[in-house]
Amino acid sequence: MSDEHDYGEPSGTRMRLPDADPYGGARRPGRSSSRSLVTVVGVVVLLIAAIAFANRGGDDSDSPAARTGTDKPETATTAASGTKPVETKSAGIPSGFARDGQGAQSAAANYCVVLGSAEMFNGTRRHEIVNAVYAPDVAAARQSALDTAYSNATFLSNIGLDKDGTAPDGQNFVSRVIPVGTKVTAVSANDATVEVWYTSLFGLSGEASTNPVSESWYTTTYRLEWVNDDWKVTDFQQKDGPVPVGRDQKASTADDMTKAVEEYGGFTYAR
């Protein structure tokens, strides 16, 4: 998939293959009928609570603003900052981030997206990405390791790609990272540590696919350094999760998934 998913070690690649037709409308195991009852009761309880709150009037003694001593994030934490997004790009990747915690978060989120993209499977594009994202003193070493990983025939075969990293005829290769949130754990004028929590879509969409598009959840911690007037990656660590409980939803057909991939472009996260 990408540098973000430990493909530097092909032998450690984890596959989740379907037990049945991957695009045949398979559903997750059925839940007991008690779940429906619990859901209905929960909705009723929430409705009653909402009515009671509305009738309480202007008593805001228990509102977040009235409480103190809490470390929980408030709405303002994720509100628009008012700072204009960056307008410059390097190799098509947002660049020129602010030299502060917000800029480090934006850089980490954008780098996470591109390092987890299908573009990493193209040699020329991969070199451009690595040179744009990594600090110069580590880019060369990362480049060599990634070239070895992404050209491994066994690895490519295991994920359903041809030896040149392309999808078979009639199938679309999907590799996308969607950041859910970021957190700065350390920042100074020259260094920053940022955690990015994200979901990943990966697989092949198509009727003949044996590796259908599935989702995974990870948190990657980036070490960033201020180099040449921008944040650059010097190191990273990835771990699984946090993983939410999956909903009991019907899997989309191969045609629907392919259409979605072709029609919906990805986002950048320069804020």
Protein backbone atom coordinates (compact mmCIF):
# COMPACT_ATOMS: atom_id res chain seq x y z
CA MET A 1 0.00 0.00 0.00
CA SER A 2 2.35 2.70 1.14
CA ASP A 3 5.18 3.65 3.34
CA GLU A 4 2.53 4.18 6.00
CA HIS A 5 1.51 0.58 6.16
CA ASP A 6 4.82 -1.12 6.75
CA TYR A 7 5.21 -2.36 3.18
CA GLY A 8 8.92 -1.93 3.63
CA GLU A 9 8.72 -5.46 5.03
CA PRO A 10 6.74 -7.41 2.41
CA SER A 11 6.95 -10.65 4.37
CA GLY A 12 4.90 -9.02 7.13
CA THR A 13 2.03 -7.94 4.92
CA ARG A 14 -1.33 -8.83 6.38
CA MET A 15 -4.15 -9.81 4.05
CA ARG A 16 -7.85 -9.99 4.83
CA LEU A 17 -9.41 -12.15 2.14
CA PRO A 18 -13.15 -12.73 1.89
CA ASP A 19 -14.78 -15.99 2.90
CA ALA A 20 -17.41 -15.57 0.21
CA ASP A 21 -18.08 -13.54 -2.93
CA PRO A 22 -16.33 -10.25 -2.08
CA TYR A 23 -18.80 -8.20 -4.04
CA GLY A 24 -21.89 -10.33 -3.67
CA GLY A 25 -23.59 -8.17 -1.09
CA ALA A 26 -22.02 -9.98 1.84
CA ARG A 27 -22.97 -8.73 5.29
CA ARG A 28 -21.29 -8.95 8.60
CA PRO A 29 -22.56 -11.69 10.92
CA GLY A 30 -26.14 -11.08 11.97
CA ARG A 31 -26.87 -9.43 15.29
CA SER A 32 -29.49 -10.67 17.72
CA SER A 33 -32.97 -9.18 17.61
CA SER A 34 -32.35 -7.67 21.04
CA ARG A 35 -30.14 -5.06 19.41
CA SER A 36 -33.12 -3.53 17.60
CA LEU A 37 -35.01 -3.25 20.88
CA VAL A 38 -32.03 -1.64 22.59
CA THR A 39 -31.73 0.84 19.73
CA VAL A 40 -35.40 1.82 19.92
CA VAL A 41 -35.25 2.24 23.69
CA GLY A 42 -32.09 4.32 23.36
CA VAL A 43 -33.74 6.66 20.85
CA VAL A 44 -36.75 7.13 23.13
CA VAL A 45 -34.55 7.88 26.14
CA LEU A 46 -32.54 10.44 24.14
CA LEU A 47 -35.75 12.09 22.93
CA ILE A 48 -37.10 12.41 26.48
CA ALA A 49 -33.78 13.82 27.67
CA ALA A 50 -33.74 16.37 24.84
CA ILE A 51 -37.27 17.56 25.69
CA ALA A 52 -36.37 17.88 29.37
CA PHE A 53 -33.26 19.87 28.52
CA ALA A 54 -35.21 22.21 26.23
CA ASN A 55 -37.78 22.85 28.96
CA ARG A 56 -35.13 23.56 31.58
CA GLY A 57 -34.66 27.10 30.31
CA GLY A 58 -31.55 29.14 30.76
CA ASP A 59 -29.92 27.05 33.48
CA ASP A 60 -26.43 26.56 32.06
CA SER A 61 -24.67 25.75 35.31
CA ASP A 62 -23.73 22.34 33.92
CA SER A 63 -22.60 23.56 30.51
CA PRO A 64 -19.00 23.01 29.34
CA ALA A 65 -18.32 26.71 29.79
CA ALA A 66 -19.39 26.54 33.44
CA ARG A 67 -17.22 23.56 34.27
CA THR A 68 -13.53 23.84 35.00
CA GLY A 69 -10.66 21.47 35.46
CA THR A 70 -11.47 19.27 32.45
CA ASP A 71 -8.97 18.19 29.81
CA LYS A 72 -11.57 17.03 27.30
CA PRO A 73 -11.42 18.77 23.90
CA GLU A 74 -14.10 21.36 23.31
CA THR A 75 -15.75 22.26 20.02
CA ALA A 76 -13.35 25.15 19.54
CA THR A 77 -10.48 22.68 19.35
CA THR A 78 -11.54 21.64 15.85
CA ALA A 79 -13.18 24.87 14.74
CA ALA A 80 -11.86 26.77 11.75
CA SER A 81 -8.73 28.65 12.79
CA GLY A 82 -9.21 31.57 10.43
CA THR A 83 -5.72 31.01 9.05
CA LYS A 84 -5.66 30.75 5.27
CA PRO A 85 -4.62 27.37 3.83
CA VAL A 86 -1.19 27.12 2.26
CA GLU A 87 -1.15 28.05 -1.41
CA THR A 88 2.16 26.55 -2.52
CA LYS A 89 2.93 23.01 -3.59
CA SER A 90 6.03 20.88 -4.05
CA ALA A 91 5.67 17.96 -6.48
CA GLY A 92 1.92 18.52 -6.31
CA ILE A 93 1.91 18.19 -2.50
CA PRO A 94 0.89 21.12 -0.25
CA SER A 95 3.95 22.84 1.23
CA GLY A 96 4.98 26.01 3.00
CA PHE A 97 3.32 25.16 6.31
CA ALA A 98 3.33 27.50 9.28
CA ARG A 99 6.15 27.14 11.76
CA ASP A 100 3.88 26.22 14.67
CA GLY A 101 1.77 23.36 15.98
CA GLN A 102 -1.04 23.93 13.51
CA GLY A 103 1.37 23.94 10.59
CA ALA A 104 2.97 20.71 11.83
CA GLN A 105 -0.46 19.04 12.04
CA SER A 106 -1.35 20.15 8.53
CA ALA A 107 1.97 18.90 7.19
CA ALA A 108 1.59 15.52 8.91
CA ALA A 109 -1.98 15.04 7.65
CA ASN A 110 -1.08 15.93 4.08
CA TYR A 111 2.02 13.75 4.10
CA CYS A 112 0.00 10.86 5.51
CA VAL A 113 -2.44 11.14 2.61
CA VAL A 114 0.18 11.11 -0.13
CA LEU A 115 2.35 8.42 1.47
CA GLY A 116 -0.72 6.20 1.63
CA SER A 117 -1.80 6.83 -1.94
CA ALA A 118 -1.73 4.56 -4.99
CA GLU A 119 0.84 6.95 -6.46
CA MET A 120 3.47 5.31 -4.27
CA PHE A 121 3.27 2.25 -6.53
CA ASN A 122 4.62 4.24 -9.48
CA GLY A 123 8.42 4.49 -9.33
CA THR A 124 8.77 7.97 -10.81
CA ARG A 125 5.99 9.44 -8.72
CA ARG A 126 7.22 7.69 -5.58
CA HIS A 127 10.63 9.35 -5.93
CA GLU A 128 8.97 12.76 -6.24
CA ILE A 129 6.85 12.15 -3.16
CA VAL A 130 9.71 10.94 -0.98
CA ASN A 131 11.94 13.86 -1.97
CA ALA A 132 9.14 16.32 -1.21
CA VAL A 133 8.02 14.82 2.10
CA TYR A 134 11.19 13.56 3.82
CA ALA A 135 14.07 15.62 5.15
CA PRO A 136 16.98 15.58 2.67
CA ASP A 137 19.29 13.67 5.01
CA VAL A 138 16.88 10.72 5.29
CA ALA A 139 15.19 10.79 1.87
CA ALA A 140 17.88 8.81 0.07
CA ALA A 141 17.79 5.95 2.57
CA ARG A 142 14.00 5.83 2.51
CA GLN A 143 14.01 5.91 -1.26
CA SER A 144 16.18 2.82 -1.50
CA ALA A 145 14.13 0.86 1.03
CA LEU A 146 10.84 1.79 -0.63
CA ASP A 147 12.08 0.92 -4.12
CA THR A 148 12.99 -2.53 -2.85
CA ALA A 149 9.61 -3.01 -1.20
CA TYR A 150 7.46 -1.74 -4.04
CA SER A 151 9.29 -3.77 -6.68
CA ASN A 152 8.98 -7.06 -4.77
CA ALA A 153 7.12 -9.41 -7.13
CA THR A 154 5.75 -11.59 -4.32
CA PHE A 155 4.42 -8.59 -2.45
CA LEU A 156 2.74 -7.18 -5.55
CA SER A 157 1.24 -10.56 -6.42
CA ASN A 158 -0.13 -10.97 -2.90
CA ILE A 159 -2.11 -7.75 -3.16
CA GLY A 160 -3.32 -8.57 -6.67
CA LEU A 161 -1.14 -6.23 -8.73
CA ASP A 162 0.96 -6.97 -11.81
CA LYS A 163 4.74 -6.97 -11.52
CA ASP A 164 4.87 -3.33 -12.63
CA GLY A 165 2.52 -2.29 -9.83
CA THR A 166 -0.58 -1.85 -11.99
CA ALA A 167 -4.00 -3.40 -11.54
CA PRO A 168 -5.14 -6.25 -13.85
CA ASP A 169 -7.47 -5.38 -16.72
CA GLY A 170 -11.00 -4.67 -15.57
CA GLN A 171 -9.98 -3.77 -12.00
CA ASN A 172 -9.15 -0.53 -10.22
CA PHE A 173 -6.48 -0.31 -7.53
CA VAL A 174 -7.59 1.67 -4.48
CA SER A 175 -5.18 2.98 -1.86
CA ARG A 176 -6.41 5.98 0.10
CA VAL A 177 -5.79 7.45 3.52
CA ILE A 178 -8.45 9.61 5.18
CA PRO A 179 -7.24 11.44 8.31
CA VAL A 180 -9.79 11.57 11.12
CA GLY A 181 -7.82 13.70 13.55
CA THR A 182 -4.37 14.96 14.50
CA LYS A 183 -2.65 15.69 17.81
CA VAL A 184 0.58 17.52 18.60
CA THR A 185 2.49 15.84 21.40
CA ALA A 186 5.59 18.03 21.18
CA VAL A 187 6.56 21.12 19.24
CA SER A 188 9.39 23.63 19.18
CA ALA A 189 10.81 26.00 16.62
CA ASN A 190 12.73 23.22 14.88
CA ASP A 191 11.04 19.93 15.77
CA ALA A 192 7.53 18.55 16.17
CA THR A 193 5.87 15.25 16.97
CA VAL A 194 2.38 14.77 15.53
CA GLU A 195 -0.01 11.82 15.74
CA VAL A 196 -2.41 11.25 12.84
CA TRP A 197 -5.39 8.95 13.35
CA TYR A 198 -6.82 7.77 10.05
CA THR A 199 -8.77 5.17 8.16
CA SER A 200 -7.35 3.48 5.08
CA LEU A 201 -9.11 2.06 2.02
CA PHE A 202 -7.10 -0.57 0.21
CA GLY A 203 -7.74 -3.26 -2.39
CA LEU A 204 -8.96 -3.92 -5.92
CA SER A 205 -12.44 -3.06 -7.13
CA GLY A 206 -13.72 -5.29 -9.91
CA GLU A 207 -15.82 -8.40 -10.40
CA ALA A 208 -12.80 -10.71 -10.51
CA SER A 209 -11.02 -9.19 -7.51
CA THR A 210 -9.82 -11.58 -4.80
CA ASN A 211 -8.62 -8.64 -2.70
CA PRO A 212 -11.72 -6.40 -2.42
CA VAL A 213 -11.48 -2.88 -1.07
CA SER A 214 -11.51 -2.98 2.71
CA GLU A 215 -10.95 -0.46 5.49
CA SER A 216 -8.34 -0.42 8.23
CA TRP A 217 -7.59 1.99 11.06
CA TYR A 218 -4.17 3.22 12.17
CA THR A 219 -2.41 5.93 14.11
CA THR A 220 0.95 7.11 12.80
CA THR A 221 3.28 9.25 14.86
CA TYR A 222 5.46 11.53 12.74
CA ARG A 223 8.70 13.15 13.78
CA LEU A 224 9.03 16.39 11.85
CA GLU A 225 11.96 18.75 11.45
CA TRP A 226 11.97 22.34 10.20
CA VAL A 227 14.12 22.19 7.07
CA ASN A 228 14.35 24.73 4.25
CA ASP A 229 11.43 26.74 5.61
CA ASP A 230 9.03 23.81 5.89
CA TRP A 231 8.18 20.75 8.00
CA LYS A 232 9.73 17.50 6.74
CA VAL A 233 9.46 13.92 7.99
CA THR A 234 12.49 12.42 9.71
CA ASP A 235 10.88 9.31 11.21
CA PHE A 236 7.53 7.69 11.93
CA GLN A 237 5.92 4.88 13.92
CA GLN A 238 2.63 3.21 13.10
CA LYS A 239 0.21 1.26 15.27
CA ASP A 240 -3.22 -0.26 14.74
CA GLY A 241 -6.37 1.58 15.78
CA PRO A 242 -8.26 2.95 17.51
CA VAL A 243 -10.78 0.87 15.56
CA PRO A 244 -14.50 1.72 15.81
CA VAL A 245 -17.23 -0.91 15.93
CA GLY A 246 -18.42 -1.68 12.40
CA ARG A 247 -22.02 -1.03 11.44
CA ASP A 248 -24.20 -3.79 10.05
CA GLN A 249 -24.11 -2.43 6.50
CA LYS A 250 -24.31 -4.25 3.21
CA ALA A 251 -21.07 -4.24 1.24
CA SER A 252 -21.26 -2.28 -2.02
CA THR A 253 -21.04 -4.00 -5.38
CA ALA A 254 -17.88 -3.90 -7.45
CA ASP A 255 -19.52 -1.46 -9.89
CA ASP A 256 -20.59 0.90 -7.10
CA MET A 257 -17.14 0.84 -5.51
CA THR A 258 -15.39 1.45 -8.84
CA LYS A 259 -17.75 4.31 -9.65
CA ALA A 260 -17.15 5.91 -6.25
CA VAL A 261 -13.37 5.70 -6.62
CA GLU A 262 -13.51 7.26 -10.08
CA GLU A 263 -15.95 10.04 -9.18
CA TYR A 264 -14.85 11.10 -5.69
CA GLY A 265 -11.45 12.72 -5.45
CA GLY A 266 -9.38 12.83 -2.28
CA PHE A 267 -8.87 15.83 -0.01
CA THR A 268 -5.84 17.77 1.07
CA TYR A 269 -5.66 18.91 4.68
CA ALA A 270 -3.72 22.16 4.57
CA ARG A 271 -5.60 24.40 6.99
